Protein backbone atom coordinates (compact mmCIF):
# COMPACT_ATOMS: atom_id res chain seq x y z
CA MET A 1 -19.89 -44.00 -70.07
CA ASN A 2 -22.44 -45.45 -67.58
CA LYS A 3 -25.39 -43.60 -65.91
CA PRO A 4 -26.09 -43.82 -62.44
CA GLY A 5 -28.10 -46.71 -61.42
CA ILE A 6 -27.55 -48.41 -64.44
CA LEU A 7 -25.74 -52.45 -63.48
CA LEU A 8 -22.74 -53.46 -65.70
CA PRO A 9 -21.99 -56.72 -66.85
CA LYS A 10 -19.62 -58.31 -64.42
CA ALA A 11 -16.56 -57.98 -67.26
CA GLU A 12 -16.75 -53.99 -66.45
CA LEU A 13 -17.19 -54.12 -62.58
CA PRO A 14 -14.62 -52.42 -60.48
CA ARG A 15 -12.15 -54.96 -59.41
CA PHE A 16 -13.68 -54.72 -55.73
CA PHE A 17 -17.26 -56.04 -57.08
CA ARG A 18 -15.43 -58.94 -58.69
CA SER A 19 -14.84 -60.73 -55.83
CA SER A 20 -17.62 -63.48 -54.85
CA GLY A 21 -20.10 -64.00 -51.56
CA PRO A 22 -23.56 -63.19 -50.62
CA ALA A 23 -22.32 -59.38 -49.77
CA THR A 24 -20.86 -58.73 -52.96
CA GLU A 25 -23.86 -60.58 -55.22
CA ASN A 26 -25.78 -58.03 -53.20
CA LEU A 27 -23.94 -55.13 -54.39
CA LYS A 28 -23.32 -56.40 -57.81
CA HIS A 29 -27.28 -56.61 -58.51
CA GLY A 30 -28.16 -53.22 -56.53
CA LEU A 31 -30.09 -55.35 -53.76
CA SER A 32 -28.21 -53.10 -50.50
CA THR A 33 -30.00 -49.87 -49.86
CA MET A 34 -26.88 -48.93 -47.51
CA HIS A 35 -24.22 -49.01 -50.13
CA ASN A 36 -26.63 -47.39 -53.00
CA LEU A 37 -27.48 -44.23 -50.70
CA PRO A 38 -24.35 -42.49 -52.26
CA ILE A 39 -25.81 -42.86 -55.50
CA ILE A 40 -29.13 -41.40 -54.09
CA PHE A 41 -27.72 -38.27 -51.77
CA PHE A 42 -25.21 -37.65 -55.55
CA ALA A 43 -28.60 -37.57 -57.47
CA VAL A 44 -30.72 -35.70 -55.15
CA SER A 45 -27.75 -33.21 -54.23
CA VAL A 46 -27.49 -32.08 -58.15
CA ALA A 47 -31.33 -32.11 -58.77
CA PHE A 48 -31.40 -29.10 -55.99
CA SER A 49 -28.38 -27.87 -56.54
CA ALA A 50 -28.03 -23.84 -57.54
CA PRO A 51 -27.97 -23.36 -61.03
CA ALA A 52 -24.64 -22.66 -62.71
CA PRO A 53 -23.42 -19.05 -62.88
CA ILE A 54 -23.66 -16.76 -65.82
CA LYS A 55 -20.21 -16.36 -67.48
CA LEU A 56 -18.87 -13.65 -69.32
CA THR A 57 -16.28 -12.10 -71.08
CA GLU A 58 -14.65 -9.06 -72.74
CA LYS A 59 -17.11 -9.86 -76.16
CA GLU A 60 -19.82 -9.25 -73.44
CA SER A 61 -19.23 -5.60 -72.70
CA GLY A 62 -22.10 -3.28 -74.05
CA TYR A 63 -24.19 -6.11 -73.47
CA THR A 64 -27.23 -6.31 -70.94
CA VAL A 65 -27.96 -9.00 -68.49
CA GLU A 66 -31.12 -10.60 -66.86
CA MET A 67 -30.42 -12.40 -64.00
CA ALA A 68 -32.89 -13.51 -61.10
CA ALA A 69 -32.56 -12.80 -57.26
CA GLY A 70 -29.89 -14.89 -55.64
CA SER A 71 -27.98 -15.90 -58.76
CA VAL A 72 -24.29 -15.62 -59.70
CA MET A 73 -22.51 -14.00 -62.41
CA GLU A 74 -18.82 -14.40 -63.28
CA VAL A 75 -17.16 -11.66 -65.50
CA ILE A 76 -13.86 -13.55 -66.82
CA LEU A 77 -11.39 -10.98 -68.13
CA LYS A 78 -7.93 -10.69 -69.62
CA GLY A 79 -5.42 -9.51 -67.17
CA ASN A 80 -1.89 -9.52 -65.70
CA PRO A 81 -1.45 -8.01 -62.42
CA THR A 82 2.66 -8.50 -62.30
CA THR A 83 2.27 -5.53 -64.57
CA GLY A 84 0.70 -3.38 -62.01
CA TYR A 85 -2.72 -3.34 -63.66
CA THR A 86 -5.98 -5.05 -61.92
CA TRP A 87 -9.17 -4.86 -62.71
CA VAL A 88 -11.30 -3.08 -60.14
CA VAL A 89 -15.39 -1.81 -60.03
CA ALA A 90 -15.65 1.75 -61.12
CA SER A 91 -19.03 1.76 -60.27
CA VAL A 92 -22.47 -0.46 -59.00
CA ASP A 93 -25.71 0.13 -57.26
CA GLU A 94 -24.43 -2.63 -54.31
CA SER A 95 -28.32 -2.65 -53.32
CA ILE A 96 -28.85 -4.56 -56.74
CA LEU A 97 -25.48 -6.53 -57.40
CA THR A 98 -22.72 -6.70 -55.37
CA GLN A 99 -19.15 -8.37 -55.29
CA ILE A 100 -18.71 -11.63 -53.73
CA GLY A 101 -15.20 -12.11 -52.45
CA GLU A 102 -11.81 -10.94 -54.25
CA ALA A 103 -11.09 -10.78 -58.34
CA GLU A 104 -9.11 -14.75 -58.73
CA PHE A 105 -6.38 -14.58 -61.11
CA LYS A 106 -5.70 -17.53 -63.15
CA ALA A 107 -2.01 -17.79 -65.31
CA GLU A 108 -2.07 -19.28 -68.68
CA ARG A 109 1.28 -20.45 -68.51
CA LYS A 110 3.51 -21.40 -65.52
CA ALA A 111 6.10 -18.94 -66.32
CA ARG A 112 7.11 -16.24 -64.19
CA GLY A 113 4.97 -12.71 -65.08
CA SER A 114 2.17 -14.66 -68.09
CA GLY A 115 -0.67 -12.52 -68.26
CA GLY A 116 -4.24 -14.67 -67.92
CA THR A 117 -7.55 -14.48 -66.44
CA ILE A 118 -9.38 -12.84 -64.20
CA THR A 119 -12.24 -13.70 -62.34
CA MET A 120 -14.94 -11.50 -60.85
CA ARG A 121 -18.01 -12.91 -59.11
CA PHE A 122 -21.33 -11.02 -58.81
CA ARG A 123 -23.96 -11.78 -56.66
CA ALA A 124 -27.60 -10.23 -57.94
CA GLU A 125 -28.97 -9.07 -54.35
CA GLY A 126 -32.12 -7.13 -54.99
CA VAL A 127 -34.50 -6.47 -57.61
CA GLY A 128 -33.97 -3.66 -60.74
CA ARG A 129 -31.64 -2.21 -62.60
CA THR A 130 -27.67 -1.27 -62.39
CA PHE A 131 -25.05 -0.91 -64.65
CA LEU A 132 -21.39 -2.39 -63.76
CA LYS A 133 -18.60 -0.74 -64.80
CA LEU A 134 -14.81 -2.38 -64.50
CA MET A 135 -11.58 -0.60 -65.17
CA TYR A 136 -8.66 -1.73 -65.32
CA HIS A 137 -5.61 0.06 -64.37
CA ARG A 138 -2.65 1.03 -62.27
CA PRO A 139 -3.91 1.66 -59.07
CA PHE A 140 -1.07 3.68 -57.92
CA GLU A 141 -1.80 6.13 -61.41
CA LYS A 142 -4.55 8.26 -60.33
CA ASP A 143 -4.29 10.86 -62.59
CA ARG A 144 -4.36 8.10 -65.89
CA PRO A 145 -7.71 7.12 -67.59
CA PRO A 146 -8.02 3.23 -67.10
CA SER A 147 -6.20 0.83 -70.08
CA LYS A 148 -9.48 -0.71 -70.49
CA THR A 149 -12.74 -0.46 -69.36
CA PHE A 150 -16.12 -3.48 -69.20
CA GLU A 151 -19.61 -2.10 -69.17
CA LEU A 152 -22.80 -3.91 -68.34
CA LYS A 153 -26.60 -3.10 -67.76
CA VAL A 154 -27.94 -5.49 -64.96
CA GLU A 155 -31.46 -6.20 -64.26
CA VAL A 156 -32.50 -8.42 -61.43
CA GLN A 157 -36.19 -10.05 -61.73
């Protein structure tokens, strides 16, 4: 794969750059500033984009996670909402860590009723420490304990 800004030999140029004429020659040699703007914009936007979210799975339950204020964490857990079970926040200090949007389900297979993963996103709002506890349960079974739990100690700096 070639890096942006590297000129390719003519044989490797996309078909629309293989025609001839003065405008095409300028594009082939990178002499047209207007046509290089998308590459420059892309490079600048990548350099200043937000850092990738911290991704955690069931294996990290019980861990301590350090986050910078404003950063995002994704908790990706196995689940199957077609069975009535769902992952919900059982406890967290929302002045330190808040959930972003709703949990998102992604099926492993296309078959109806398939299990998959549920992704919950959280943003570090304020400096401090909190415990995040998630529980996998059926909301309509009020007197039963959760089927599974996921717990983290979160330290926001």
